[in-house]
Amino acid sequence: MNNQDFINSLIEEHIQWRVTELALIKKIYLKLQTNEEKRFFLQSSIPTIYSIWEGFVKKILKSLLQFLDTKEIASNNISEELLVWSLNDKIKALKDSEDFKKKIKNSQLLINQLGNEVRFSRFKIDTKSNLNDRVLKELCSNFGLFDVEEFFSNDELTGLKKLIEKRNIISHGGQNALVIESLDDVQEYILLITKLMDNWVLFIDDFLENEKYLKKEYQNIGSER
């Protein structure tokens, strides 16, 4: 699979059905009869929108890791960010080793890994169940994907923060403490998440096209020949 086929698969597998589910929120709302039903549904839609966003980021990054595995990248060629992230469990095991023999064993595992191809697909994407701007920046920094503040506007980051704040209030039993005034309020978050998902695919396309998963001296070597 080449880069473009992978990007097309991301759109088909991770965006299209989520956009369809987001559109269902408005369709279902318009069929409701009473104000109480509508109020409850609008409240409940906030955690749903957030879960679609978090699920998308986790799945799309997992797919990216699986795709990078197919490139069979040597550890001395891969970017520093991805290399350190891929070794994180072994670094932690070495750090936490109290017994000297365990330190030797874990040190050897780390050294051996440095000479092998980097494999990512077994690693979990930790969104901390709260994918706010801080966690988003941490994930993007670990991957060396992009600078969040460069690619996301202040309005987008503020909107995401508000969505998560409302989701947290509702998820922790604060239904009565939070008022979603109208369908327009919910539509604002639907449009935001739809745009953020589209942008993520563009960012990953750029990440792959410019081979940002490699050290700078190895990026686009083939295209320069």
N, C-alpha and C. Protein backbone atom coordinates (compact mmCIF):
# COMPACT_ATOMS: atom_id res chain seq x y z
N MET A 1 0.84 -1.20 0.00
CA MET A 1 0.00 0.00 0.00
C MET A 1 0.88 1.25 0.00
N ASN A 2 0.65 2.16 -0.96
CA ASN A 2 1.41 3.40 -0.96
C ASN A 2 0.75 4.44 -0.07
N ASN A 3 1.40 5.60 0.04
CA ASN A 3 0.90 6.63 0.95
C ASN A 3 -0.52 7.08 0.60
N GLN A 4 -0.80 7.27 -0.70
CA GLN A 4 -2.11 7.78 -1.10
C GLN A 4 -3.20 6.76 -0.83
N ASP A 5 -2.89 5.49 -1.06
CA ASP A 5 -3.87 4.44 -0.76
C ASP A 5 -4.18 4.42 0.74
N PHE A 6 -3.15 4.64 1.54
CA PHE A 6 -3.34 4.66 2.99
C PHE A 6 -4.22 5.84 3.40
N ILE A 7 -3.97 7.02 2.84
CA ILE A 7 -4.78 8.19 3.16
C ILE A 7 -6.23 7.95 2.75
N ASN A 8 -6.44 7.38 1.59
CA ASN A 8 -7.81 7.08 1.14
C ASN A 8 -8.49 6.09 2.09
N SER A 9 -7.73 5.13 2.59
CA SER A 9 -8.30 4.15 3.53
C SER A 9 -8.68 4.82 4.85
N LEU A 10 -7.89 5.82 5.27
CA LEU A 10 -8.22 6.55 6.50
C LEU A 10 -9.57 7.25 6.36
N ILE A 11 -9.76 7.88 5.21
CA ILE A 11 -11.01 8.61 4.98
C ILE A 11 -12.19 7.64 4.98
N GLU A 12 -12.00 6.50 4.31
CA GLU A 12 -13.08 5.52 4.19
C GLU A 12 -13.38 4.82 5.51
N GLU A 13 -12.33 4.46 6.24
CA GLU A 13 -12.51 3.64 7.45
C GLU A 13 -12.78 4.46 8.71
N HIS A 14 -12.26 5.69 8.76
CA HIS A 14 -12.30 6.41 10.04
C HIS A 14 -13.06 7.74 10.02
N ILE A 15 -13.42 8.23 8.85
CA ILE A 15 -14.11 9.52 8.81
C ILE A 15 -15.56 9.37 8.33
N GLN A 16 -15.76 8.68 7.22
CA GLN A 16 -17.08 8.68 6.59
C GLN A 16 -18.19 8.23 7.54
N TRP A 17 -18.00 7.11 8.25
CA TRP A 17 -19.07 6.64 9.12
C TRP A 17 -19.26 7.54 10.33
N ARG A 18 -18.16 8.18 10.78
CA ARG A 18 -18.29 9.10 11.92
C ARG A 18 -19.06 10.36 11.53
N VAL A 19 -18.83 10.86 10.33
CA VAL A 19 -19.58 12.03 9.84
C VAL A 19 -21.05 11.67 9.73
N THR A 20 -21.34 10.47 9.27
CA THR A 20 -22.73 10.01 9.16
C THR A 20 -23.39 9.95 10.53
N GLU A 21 -22.67 9.44 11.54
CA GLU A 21 -23.23 9.37 12.89
C GLU A 21 -23.46 10.76 13.48
N LEU A 22 -22.55 11.67 13.21
CA LEU A 22 -22.73 13.05 13.70
C LEU A 22 -23.97 13.68 13.07
N ALA A 23 -24.19 13.41 11.79
CA ALA A 23 -25.36 13.97 11.10
C ALA A 23 -26.67 13.41 11.66
N LEU A 24 -26.62 12.19 12.21
CA LEU A 24 -27.82 11.57 12.78
C LEU A 24 -28.34 12.34 13.99
N ILE A 25 -27.43 13.05 14.68
CA ILE A 25 -27.84 13.78 15.88
C ILE A 25 -28.93 14.79 15.53
N LYS A 26 -28.72 15.55 14.46
CA LYS A 26 -29.72 16.53 14.05
C LYS A 26 -31.01 15.84 13.58
N LYS A 27 -30.87 14.77 12.82
CA LYS A 27 -32.05 14.08 12.29
C LYS A 27 -32.92 13.54 13.42
N ILE A 28 -32.27 12.95 14.41
CA ILE A 28 -33.03 12.38 15.54
C ILE A 28 -33.69 13.50 16.35
N TYR A 29 -32.95 14.58 16.59
CA TYR A 29 -33.47 15.70 17.37
C TYR A 29 -34.75 16.26 16.75
N LEU A 30 -34.77 16.42 15.43
CA LEU A 30 -35.91 17.02 14.75
C LEU A 30 -37.15 16.15 14.80
N LYS A 31 -36.98 14.87 15.15
CA LYS A 31 -38.13 13.97 15.26
C LYS A 31 -38.71 13.93 16.67
N LEU A 32 -38.01 14.51 17.64
CA LEU A 32 -38.48 14.49 19.01
C LEU A 32 -39.65 15.45 19.20
N GLN A 33 -40.52 15.11 20.14
CA GLN A 33 -41.78 15.85 20.29
C GLN A 33 -41.74 16.87 21.43
N THR A 34 -41.32 16.44 22.62
CA THR A 34 -41.44 17.32 23.79
C THR A 34 -40.12 18.05 24.07
N ASN A 35 -40.24 19.17 24.75
CA ASN A 35 -39.05 19.95 25.13
C ASN A 35 -38.14 19.16 26.06
N GLU A 36 -38.74 18.34 26.91
CA GLU A 36 -37.96 17.53 27.85
C GLU A 36 -37.13 16.49 27.08
N GLU A 37 -37.73 15.88 26.09
CA GLU A 37 -36.99 14.92 25.26
C GLU A 37 -35.83 15.61 24.54
N LYS A 38 -36.11 16.78 24.01
CA LYS A 38 -35.09 17.51 23.27
C LYS A 38 -33.95 17.95 24.18
N ARG A 39 -34.30 18.42 25.39
CA ARG A 39 -33.27 18.85 26.33
C ARG A 39 -32.37 17.69 26.71
N PHE A 40 -32.99 16.56 27.03
CA PHE A 40 -32.22 15.39 27.42
C PHE A 40 -31.33 14.90 26.27
N PHE A 41 -31.89 14.90 25.08
CA PHE A 41 -31.13 14.41 23.93
C PHE A 41 -29.93 15.32 23.64
N LEU A 42 -30.12 16.64 23.73
CA LEU A 42 -29.01 17.56 23.47
C LEU A 42 -27.90 17.38 24.50
N GLN A 43 -28.31 17.21 25.76
CA GLN A 43 -27.32 16.96 26.81
C GLN A 43 -26.52 15.69 26.51
N SER A 44 -27.23 14.64 26.16
CA SER A 44 -26.60 13.34 25.94
C SER A 44 -25.73 13.32 24.69
N SER A 45 -26.00 14.22 23.77
CA SER A 45 -25.23 14.23 22.52
C SER A 45 -23.80 14.72 22.72
N ILE A 46 -23.57 15.50 23.79
CA ILE A 46 -22.23 16.03 24.04
C ILE A 46 -21.21 14.92 24.30
N PRO A 47 -21.47 13.97 25.22
CA PRO A 47 -20.54 12.84 25.39
C PRO A 47 -20.38 12.01 24.12
N THR A 48 -21.45 11.90 23.33
CA THR A 48 -21.36 11.14 22.08
C THR A 48 -20.40 11.80 21.11
N ILE A 49 -20.50 13.12 20.97
CA ILE A 49 -19.61 13.85 20.06
C ILE A 49 -18.16 13.72 20.52
N TYR A 50 -17.96 13.82 21.84
CA TYR A 50 -16.59 13.69 22.35
C TYR A 50 -16.05 12.28 22.08
N SER A 51 -16.87 11.25 22.31
CA SER A 51 -16.39 9.88 22.13
C SER A 51 -16.03 9.63 20.66
N ILE A 52 -16.76 10.24 19.74
CA ILE A 52 -16.43 10.12 18.32
C ILE A 52 -15.07 10.74 18.04
N TRP A 53 -14.80 11.89 18.66
CA TRP A 53 -13.52 12.58 18.50
C TRP A 53 -12.36 11.76 19.07
N GLU A 54 -12.51 11.29 20.31
CA GLU A 54 -11.44 10.53 20.94
C GLU A 54 -11.20 9.21 20.20
N GLY A 55 -12.27 8.53 19.84
CA GLY A 55 -12.13 7.28 19.11
C GLY A 55 -11.43 7.48 17.78
N PHE A 56 -11.73 8.58 17.11
CA PHE A 56 -11.10 8.87 15.83
C PHE A 56 -9.59 9.04 15.98
N VAL A 57 -9.18 9.85 16.94
CA VAL A 57 -7.74 10.10 17.13
C VAL A 57 -7.00 8.81 17.47
N LYS A 58 -7.56 8.00 18.35
CA LYS A 58 -6.92 6.75 18.73
C LYS A 58 -6.80 5.80 17.54
N LYS A 59 -7.88 5.68 16.78
CA LYS A 59 -7.88 4.75 15.65
C LYS A 59 -6.96 5.21 14.52
N ILE A 60 -6.96 6.51 14.25
CA ILE A 60 -6.17 6.99 13.12
C ILE A 60 -4.68 6.93 13.45
N LEU A 61 -4.31 7.18 14.70
CA LEU A 61 -2.90 7.06 15.08
C LEU A 61 -2.47 5.60 15.10
N LYS A 62 -3.37 4.72 15.54
CA LYS A 62 -3.06 3.29 15.53
C LYS A 62 -2.85 2.81 14.09
N SER A 63 -3.69 3.28 13.19
CA SER A 63 -3.54 2.92 11.78
C SER A 63 -2.22 3.45 11.22
N LEU A 64 -1.85 4.65 11.64
CA LEU A 64 -0.57 5.21 11.18
C LEU A 64 0.59 4.36 11.66
N LEU A 65 0.55 3.91 12.90
CA LEU A 65 1.62 3.06 13.44
C LEU A 65 1.72 1.75 12.67
N GLN A 66 0.57 1.16 12.37
CA GLN A 66 0.57 -0.09 11.62
C GLN A 66 1.14 0.13 10.22
N PHE A 67 0.83 1.26 9.63
CA PHE A 67 1.35 1.56 8.29
C PHE A 67 2.86 1.78 8.34
N LEU A 68 3.33 2.47 9.37
CA LEU A 68 4.78 2.68 9.50
C LEU A 68 5.51 1.35 9.67
N ASP A 69 4.88 0.40 10.32
CA ASP A 69 5.48 -0.93 10.47
C ASP A 69 5.79 -1.56 9.11
N THR A 70 4.93 -1.30 8.12
CA THR A 70 5.13 -1.91 6.80
C THR A 70 6.34 -1.32 6.09
N LYS A 71 6.81 -0.18 6.55
CA LYS A 71 7.97 0.46 5.92
C LYS A 71 9.29 -0.11 6.44
N GLU A 72 9.22 -0.90 7.52
CA GLU A 72 10.40 -1.59 8.06
C GLU A 72 11.58 -0.62 8.22
N ILE A 73 11.36 0.38 9.06
CA ILE A 73 12.35 1.45 9.24
C ILE A 73 13.39 1.06 10.28
N ALA A 74 14.66 1.20 9.92
CA ALA A 74 15.74 0.90 10.85
C ALA A 74 15.77 1.95 11.95
N SER A 75 16.13 1.53 13.16
CA SER A 75 16.09 2.43 14.31
C SER A 75 17.04 3.63 14.15
N ASN A 76 18.12 3.46 13.39
CA ASN A 76 19.06 4.58 13.23
C ASN A 76 18.59 5.58 12.17
N ASN A 77 17.49 5.26 11.48
CA ASN A 77 16.94 6.18 10.47
C ASN A 77 15.71 6.94 10.95
N ILE A 78 15.04 6.38 11.95
CA ILE A 78 13.75 6.95 12.36
C ILE A 78 13.95 8.21 13.18
N SER A 79 12.93 9.05 13.19
CA SER A 79 13.03 10.32 13.92
C SER A 79 13.24 10.07 15.41
N GLU A 80 13.89 11.02 16.05
CA GLU A 80 14.19 10.89 17.48
C GLU A 80 12.92 10.75 18.30
N GLU A 81 11.88 11.49 17.93
CA GLU A 81 10.63 11.44 18.69
C GLU A 81 10.01 10.04 18.65
N LEU A 82 9.91 9.48 17.45
CA LEU A 82 9.31 8.16 17.32
C LEU A 82 10.18 7.07 17.94
N LEU A 83 11.49 7.23 17.83
CA LEU A 83 12.38 6.23 18.40
C LEU A 83 12.23 6.16 19.92
N VAL A 84 12.27 7.33 20.56
CA VAL A 84 12.14 7.37 22.02
C VAL A 84 10.78 6.85 22.44
N TRP A 85 9.74 7.23 21.70
CA TRP A 85 8.39 6.77 22.04
C TRP A 85 8.29 5.26 21.91
N SER A 86 8.92 4.70 20.87
CA SER A 86 8.86 3.25 20.66
C SER A 86 9.62 2.48 21.73
N LEU A 87 10.61 3.12 22.34
CA LEU A 87 11.42 2.46 23.36
C LEU A 87 10.94 2.78 24.78
N ASN A 88 9.85 3.50 24.88
CA ASN A 88 9.42 4.01 26.17
C ASN A 88 9.23 2.93 27.22
N ASP A 89 8.63 1.78 26.83
CA ASP A 89 8.40 0.73 27.82
C ASP A 89 9.70 0.10 28.30
N LYS A 90 10.67 -0.02 27.40
CA LYS A 90 11.96 -0.59 27.79
C LYS A 90 12.76 0.39 28.65
N ILE A 91 12.66 1.69 28.33
CA ILE A 91 13.32 2.71 29.14
C ILE A 91 12.73 2.73 30.54
N LYS A 92 11.39 2.62 30.61
CA LYS A 92 10.73 2.60 31.91
C LYS A 92 11.12 1.37 32.71
N ALA A 93 11.19 0.20 32.03
CA ALA A 93 11.58 -1.04 32.71
C ALA A 93 12.98 -0.93 33.28
N LEU A 94 13.88 -0.31 32.53
CA LEU A 94 15.26 -0.13 33.00
C LEU A 94 15.30 0.83 34.19
N LYS A 95 14.53 1.89 34.09
CA LYS A 95 14.49 2.88 35.17
C LYS A 95 13.92 2.29 36.45
N ASP A 96 12.92 1.42 36.31
CA ASP A 96 12.25 0.85 37.49
C ASP A 96 12.95 -0.38 38.05
N SER A 97 14.00 -0.85 37.38
CA SER A 97 14.70 -2.05 37.84
C SER A 97 15.49 -1.75 39.11
N GLU A 98 15.17 -2.48 40.17
CA GLU A 98 15.91 -2.32 41.43
C GLU A 98 17.01 -3.37 41.57
N ASP A 99 16.73 -4.56 41.09
CA ASP A 99 17.71 -5.63 41.13
C ASP A 99 18.74 -5.43 40.01
N PHE A 100 20.05 -5.58 40.34
CA PHE A 100 21.11 -5.30 39.37
C PHE A 100 21.04 -6.25 38.18
N LYS A 101 20.68 -7.52 38.41
CA LYS A 101 20.58 -8.46 37.30
C LYS A 101 19.46 -8.07 36.35
N LYS A 102 18.38 -7.53 36.92
CA LYS A 102 17.29 -7.06 36.07
C LYS A 102 17.72 -5.84 35.26
N LYS A 103 18.56 -5.00 35.87
CA LYS A 103 19.09 -3.85 35.13
C LYS A 103 19.89 -4.31 33.92
N ILE A 104 20.71 -5.36 34.12
CA ILE A 104 21.51 -5.89 33.02
C ILE A 104 20.60 -6.43 31.91
N LYS A 105 19.60 -7.21 32.32
CA LYS A 105 18.68 -7.80 31.36
C LYS A 105 17.94 -6.72 30.57
N ASN A 106 17.41 -5.73 31.28
CA ASN A 106 16.65 -4.68 30.62
C ASN A 106 17.54 -3.78 29.77
N SER A 107 18.79 -3.60 30.20
CA SER A 107 19.74 -2.83 29.40
C SER A 107 20.02 -3.54 28.09
N GLN A 108 20.17 -4.86 28.14
CA GLN A 108 20.45 -5.64 26.94
C GLN A 108 19.28 -5.60 25.97
N LEU A 109 18.06 -5.67 26.52
CA LEU A 109 16.86 -5.57 25.68
C LEU A 109 16.80 -4.24 24.96
N LEU A 110 17.18 -3.18 25.68
CA LEU A 110 17.17 -1.84 25.09
C LEU A 110 18.24 -1.73 24.00
N ILE A 111 19.42 -2.24 24.27
CA ILE A 111 20.52 -2.18 23.30
C ILE A 111 20.17 -2.98 22.05
N ASN A 112 19.60 -4.17 22.23
CA ASN A 112 19.22 -5.00 21.09
C ASN A 112 18.19 -4.31 20.21
N GLN A 113 17.23 -3.64 20.86
CA GLN A 113 16.18 -2.96 20.11
C GLN A 113 16.74 -1.85 19.25
N LEU A 114 17.79 -1.19 19.73
CA LEU A 114 18.40 -0.09 18.98
C LEU A 114 18.98 -0.55 17.65
N GLY A 115 19.27 -1.82 17.53
CA GLY A 115 19.84 -2.31 16.28
C GLY A 115 18.82 -2.95 15.35
N ASN A 116 17.56 -2.93 15.73
CA ASN A 116 16.52 -3.59 14.94
C ASN A 116 15.60 -2.59 14.26
N GLU A 117 14.73 -3.12 13.41
CA GLU A 117 13.68 -2.28 12.83
C GLU A 117 12.71 -1.89 13.94
N VAL A 118 12.17 -0.70 13.82
CA VAL A 118 11.25 -0.20 14.84
C VAL A 118 9.85 -0.73 14.55
N ARG A 119 9.20 -1.29 15.56
CA ARG A 119 7.84 -1.80 15.44
C ARG A 119 6.93 -1.05 16.39
N PHE A 120 5.77 -0.61 15.87
CA PHE A 120 4.89 0.24 16.66
C PHE A 120 3.52 -0.35 16.93
N SER A 121 3.07 -1.27 16.09
CA SER A 121 1.66 -1.64 16.09
C SER A 121 1.16 -2.21 17.41
N ARG A 122 2.06 -2.70 18.28
CA ARG A 122 1.60 -3.27 19.56
C ARG A 122 1.40 -2.21 20.64
N PHE A 123 1.78 -0.97 20.35
CA PHE A 123 1.69 0.07 21.37
C PHE A 123 0.29 0.69 21.43
N LYS A 124 -0.12 1.06 22.63
CA LYS A 124 -1.43 1.67 22.83
C LYS A 124 -1.33 3.19 22.72
N ILE A 125 -2.41 3.79 22.25
CA ILE A 125 -2.49 5.25 22.18
C ILE A 125 -3.24 5.71 23.43
N ASP A 126 -2.55 6.40 24.30
CA ASP A 126 -3.14 6.82 25.57
C ASP A 126 -3.64 8.26 25.47
N THR A 127 -4.96 8.41 25.42
CA THR A 127 -5.57 9.74 25.38
C THR A 127 -5.97 10.21 26.78
N LYS A 128 -5.69 9.37 27.78
CA LYS A 128 -6.02 9.68 29.18
C LYS A 128 -7.52 9.94 29.37
N SER A 129 -8.32 9.42 28.44
CA SER A 129 -9.79 9.56 28.48
C SER A 129 -10.22 11.03 28.59
N ASN A 130 -9.37 11.91 28.14
CA ASN A 130 -9.65 13.34 28.25
C ASN A 130 -8.81 14.08 27.21
N LEU A 131 -9.18 13.92 25.94
CA LEU A 131 -8.33 14.38 24.85
C LEU A 131 -8.46 15.89 24.65
N ASN A 132 -7.92 16.64 25.63
CA ASN A 132 -7.95 18.09 25.54
C ASN A 132 -6.72 18.60 24.79
N ASP A 133 -6.54 19.92 24.77
CA ASP A 133 -5.43 20.49 24.01
C ASP A 133 -4.07 20.06 24.56
N ARG A 134 -3.98 19.88 25.89
CA ARG A 134 -2.70 19.48 26.49
C ARG A 134 -2.32 18.07 26.08
N VAL A 135 -3.28 17.14 26.16
CA VAL A 135 -3.02 15.75 25.77
C VAL A 135 -2.76 15.66 24.27
N LEU A 136 -3.48 16.47 23.50
CA LEU A 136 -3.29 16.50 22.06
C LEU A 136 -1.88 16.95 21.70
N LYS A 137 -1.40 17.97 22.39
CA LYS A 137 -0.03 18.45 22.16
C LYS A 137 0.99 17.39 22.50
N GLU A 138 0.74 16.66 23.59
CA GLU A 138 1.66 15.61 24.01
C GLU A 138 1.73 14.49 22.98
N LEU A 139 0.58 14.06 22.47
CA LEU A 139 0.55 13.02 21.46
C LEU A 139 1.28 13.44 20.19
N CYS A 140 0.98 14.64 19.74
CA CYS A 140 1.60 15.14 18.50
C CYS A 140 3.09 15.33 18.67
N SER A 141 3.51 15.73 19.85
CA SER A 141 4.94 15.89 20.13
C SER A 141 5.63 14.54 20.12
N ASN A 142 5.00 13.51 20.72
CA ASN A 142 5.58 12.17 20.75
C ASN A 142 5.77 11.61 19.35
N PHE A 143 4.81 11.88 18.49
CA PHE A 143 4.88 11.37 17.12
C PHE A 143 5.75 12.24 16.22
N GLY A 144 6.02 13.47 16.64
CA GLY A 144 6.70 14.40 15.76
C GLY A 144 5.80 14.79 14.59
N LEU A 145 4.48 14.75 14.83
CA LEU A 145 3.53 15.00 13.76
C LEU A 145 3.51 16.46 13.33
N PHE A 146 3.12 17.32 14.25
CA PHE A 146 3.02 18.74 13.95
C PHE A 146 2.85 19.51 15.24
N ASP A 147 3.07 20.80 15.14
CA ASP A 147 2.87 21.68 16.28
C ASP A 147 1.38 22.02 16.34
N VAL A 148 0.71 21.59 17.39
CA VAL A 148 -0.73 21.80 17.50
C VAL A 148 -1.11 23.27 17.35
N GLU A 149 -0.35 24.14 17.99
CA GLU A 149 -0.68 25.56 17.96
C GLU A 149 -0.43 26.18 16.59
N GLU A 150 0.36 25.50 15.76
CA GLU A 150 0.60 25.99 14.41
C GLU A 150 -0.53 25.60 13.46
N PHE A 151 -1.09 24.40 13.65
CA PHE A 151 -2.08 23.88 12.73
C PHE A 151 -3.52 24.03 13.21
N PHE A 152 -3.71 24.25 14.50
CA PHE A 152 -5.05 24.46 15.04
C PHE A 152 -5.17 25.92 15.48
N SER A 153 -6.27 26.55 15.13
CA SER A 153 -6.48 27.94 15.53
C SER A 153 -6.84 28.01 17.00
N ASN A 154 -6.72 29.19 17.57
CA ASN A 154 -7.11 29.39 18.97
C ASN A 154 -8.59 29.09 19.18
N ASP A 155 -9.40 29.46 18.19
CA ASP A 155 -10.84 29.19 18.30
C ASP A 155 -11.13 27.70 18.33
N GLU A 156 -10.39 26.93 17.53
CA GLU A 156 -10.59 25.48 17.49
C GLU A 156 -10.17 24.85 18.82
N LEU A 157 -9.04 25.26 19.35
CA LEU A 157 -8.57 24.72 20.63
C LEU A 157 -9.50 25.12 21.77
N THR A 158 -10.01 26.36 21.71
CA THR A 158 -10.96 26.81 22.73
C THR A 158 -12.27 26.03 22.63
N GLY A 159 -12.73 25.80 21.41
CA GLY A 159 -13.96 25.03 21.21
C GLY A 159 -13.81 23.61 21.71
N LEU A 160 -12.66 23.01 21.45
CA LEU A 160 -12.40 21.65 21.93
C LEU A 160 -12.37 21.60 23.45
N LYS A 161 -11.76 22.61 24.04
CA LYS A 161 -11.70 22.68 25.51
C LYS A 161 -13.10 22.78 26.11
N LYS A 162 -13.95 23.60 25.50
CA LYS A 162 -15.32 23.76 26.00
C LYS A 162 -16.11 22.47 25.85
N LEU A 163 -15.93 21.78 24.74
CA LEU A 163 -16.62 20.51 24.52
C LEU A 163 -16.25 19.52 25.62
N ILE A 164 -14.97 19.43 25.93
CA ILE A 164 -14.51 18.47 26.94
C ILE A 164 -14.99 18.87 28.32
N GLU A 165 -15.00 20.15 28.62
CA GLU A 165 -15.50 20.62 29.91
C GLU A 165 -16.97 20.22 30.09
N LYS A 166 -17.78 20.44 29.05
CA LYS A 166 -19.19 20.08 29.12
C LYS A 166 -19.38 18.57 29.21
N ARG A 167 -18.58 17.84 28.45
CA ARG A 167 -18.65 16.38 28.49
C ARG A 167 -18.33 15.89 29.90
N ASN A 168 -17.31 16.46 30.54
CA ASN A 168 -16.93 16.03 31.88
C ASN A 168 -18.02 16.31 32.90
N ILE A 169 -18.66 17.46 32.77
CA ILE A 169 -19.74 17.81 33.69
C ILE A 169 -20.88 16.81 33.56
N ILE A 170 -21.28 16.52 32.32
CA ILE A 170 -22.39 15.61 32.09
C ILE A 170 -22.03 14.18 32.51
N SER A 171 -20.81 13.75 32.17
CA SER A 171 -20.40 12.38 32.47
C SER A 171 -20.27 12.11 33.96
N HIS A 172 -20.07 13.19 34.74
CA HIS A 172 -19.94 13.03 36.18
C HIS A 172 -21.23 13.39 36.91
N GLY A 173 -22.34 13.30 36.19
CA GLY A 173 -23.65 13.43 36.83
C GLY A 173 -24.15 14.84 36.98
N GLY A 174 -23.62 15.75 36.19
CA GLY A 174 -24.05 17.14 36.32
C GLY A 174 -25.04 17.59 35.26
N GLN A 175 -25.97 16.69 34.90
CA GLN A 175 -26.94 17.00 33.86
C GLN A 175 -27.70 18.31 34.14
N ASN A 176 -28.09 18.48 35.38
CA ASN A 176 -28.90 19.65 35.71
C ASN A 176 -28.07 20.93 35.86
N ALA A 177 -26.77 20.76 36.00
CA ALA A 177 -25.90 21.92 36.18
C ALA A 177 -25.47 22.53 34.86
N LEU A 178 -25.76 21.86 33.76
CA LEU A 178 -25.30 22.32 32.46
C LEU A 178 -26.50 22.49 31.53
N VAL A 179 -26.56 23.63 30.88
CA VAL A 179 -27.67 23.90 29.99
C VAL A 179 -27.16 24.02 28.56
N ILE A 180 -27.64 23.13 27.69
CA ILE A 180 -27.40 23.24 26.25
C ILE A 180 -28.63 23.93 25.68
N GLU A 181 -28.47 25.16 25.25
CA GLU A 181 -29.61 25.99 24.91
C GLU A 181 -30.39 25.49 23.69
N SER A 182 -29.68 25.06 22.66
CA SER A 182 -30.37 24.73 21.42
C SER A 182 -29.56 23.75 20.58
N LEU A 183 -30.17 23.31 19.50
CA LEU A 183 -29.48 22.44 18.56
C LEU A 183 -28.27 23.15 17.96
N ASP A 184 -28.36 24.47 17.82
CA ASP A 184 -27.24 25.23 17.26
C ASP A 184 -25.98 25.07 18.11
N ASP A 185 -26.15 25.00 19.43
CA ASP A 185 -24.99 24.81 20.32
C ASP A 185 -24.31 23.48 20.02
N VAL A 186 -25.10 22.44 19.80
CA VAL A 186 -24.55 21.12 19.50
C VAL A 186 -23.96 21.10 18.09
N GLN A 187 -24.64 21.74 17.15
CA GLN A 187 -24.15 21.79 15.77
C GLN A 187 -22.77 22.43 15.69
N GLU A 188 -22.53 23.39 16.56
CA GLU A 188 -21.22 24.05 16.59
C GLU A 188 -20.11 23.04 16.89
N TYR A 189 -20.37 22.13 17.82
CA TYR A 189 -19.36 21.12 18.15
C TYR A 189 -19.25 20.04 17.07
N ILE A 190 -20.36 19.73 16.42
CA ILE A 190 -20.33 18.77 15.32
C ILE A 190 -19.46 19.30 14.19
N LEU A 191 -19.64 20.57 13.84
CA LEU A 191 -18.84 21.18 12.78
C LEU A 191 -17.37 21.23 13.17
N LEU A 192 -17.11 21.52 14.44
CA LEU A 192 -15.73 21.59 14.93
C LEU A 192 -15.04 20.23 14.79
N ILE A 193 -15.67 19.18 15.28
CA ILE A 193 -15.06 17.84 15.25
C ILE A 193 -14.91 17.36 13.81
N THR A 194 -15.87 17.65 12.95
CA THR A 194 -15.77 17.27 11.55
C THR A 194 -14.57 17.93 10.89
N LYS A 195 -14.37 19.21 11.18
CA LYS A 195 -13.23 19.94 10.62
C LYS A 195 -11.91 19.40 11.16
N LEU A 196 -11.87 19.12 12.46
CA LEU A 196 -10.64 18.61 13.07
C LEU A 196 -10.27 17.24 12.49
N MET A 197 -11.27 16.40 12.23
CA MET A 197 -10.99 15.09 11.64
C MET A 197 -10.43 15.24 10.23
N ASP A 198 -11.04 16.12 9.44
CA ASP A 198 -10.54 16.36 8.08
C ASP A 198 -9.10 16.88 8.11
N ASN A 199 -8.83 17.78 9.05
CA ASN A 199 -7.49 18.36 9.15
C ASN A 199 -6.45 17.30 9.54
N TRP A 200 -6.85 16.37 10.42
CA TRP A 200 -5.92 15.32 10.84
C TRP A 200 -5.43 14.51 9.66
N VAL A 201 -6.33 14.20 8.73
CA VAL A 201 -5.93 13.43 7.56
C VAL A 201 -4.95 14.23 6.71
N LEU A 202 -5.18 15.52 6.58
CA LEU A 202 -4.26 16.38 5.83
C LEU A 202 -2.89 16.41 6.49
N PHE A 203 -2.88 16.49 7.82
CA PHE A 203 -1.62 16.54 8.56
C PHE A 203 -0.84 15.23 8.39
N ILE A 204 -1.56 14.11 8.45
CA ILE A 204 -0.88 12.82 8.29
C ILE A 204 -0.39 12.63 6.87
N ASP A 205 -1.15 13.14 5.91
CA ASP A 205 -0.70 13.11 4.51
C ASP A 205 0.62 13.85 4.38
N ASP A 206 0.72 15.02 4.97
CA ASP A 206 1.95 15.81 4.94
C ASP A 206 3.07 15.07 5.68
N PHE A 207 2.74 14.46 6.80
CA PHE A 207 3.70 13.70 7.61
C PHE A 207 4.35 12.58 6.79
N LEU A 208 3.52 11.88 6.01
CA LEU A 208 4.02 10.78 5.20
C LEU A 208 4.72 11.27 3.94
N GLU A 209 4.12 12.24 3.27
CA GLU A 209 4.68 12.75 2.02
C GLU A 209 6.08 13.31 2.21
N ASN A 210 6.29 14.00 3.33
CA ASN A 210 7.59 14.61 3.61
C ASN A 210 8.47 13.74 4.51
N GLU A 211 8.01 12.51 4.74
CA GLU A 211 8.77 11.53 5.50
C GLU A 211 9.27 12.07 6.84
N LYS A 212 8.35 12.70 7.56
CA LYS A 212 8.71 13.30 8.84
C LYS A 212 8.92 12.25 9.93
N TYR A 213 8.63 11.00 9.61
CA TYR A 213 8.90 9.90 10.54
C TYR A 213 10.38 9.51 10.53
N LEU A 214 11.15 10.09 9.60
CA LEU A 214 12.59 9.83 9.52
C LEU A 214 13.38 11.01 10.07
N LYS A 215 14.63 10.75 10.40
CA LYS A 215 15.53 11.85 10.75
C LYS A 215 15.64 12.77 9.53
N LYS A 216 15.89 14.04 9.76
CA LYS A 216 15.88 15.02 8.68
C LYS A 216 16.85 14.66 7.55
N GLU A 217 18.00 14.08 7.91
CA GLU A 217 18.98 13.77 6.87
C GLU A 217 18.54 12.62 5.97
N TYR A 218 17.50 11.87 6.37
CA TYR A 218 17.03 10.76 5.55
C TYR A 218 15.70 11.07 4.85
N GLN A 219 15.13 12.24 5.11
CA GLN A 219 13.84 12.57 4.53
C GLN A 219 13.94 12.86 3.04
N ASN A 220 13.05 12.20 2.26
CA ASN A 220 12.94 12.43 0.80
C ASN A 220 14.25 12.27 0.06
N ILE A 221 15.09 11.34 0.51
CA ILE A 221 16.34 11.08 -0.20
C ILE A 221 16.06 10.54 -1.60
N GLY A 222 15.08 9.64 -1.66
CA GLY A 222 14.77 9.04 -2.95
C GLY A 222 14.31 10.04 -3.98
N SER A 223 13.56 11.07 -3.56
CA SER A 223 13.03 12.06 -4.50
C SER A 223 14.10 13.01 -5.00
N GLU A 224 15.26 13.04 -4.30
CA GLU A 224 16.30 13.97 -4.70
C GLU A 224 17.26 13.33 -5.71
N ARG A 225 17.15 12.03 -5.90
CA ARG A 225 18.03 11.34 -6.84
C ARG A 225 17.53 11.46 -8.26
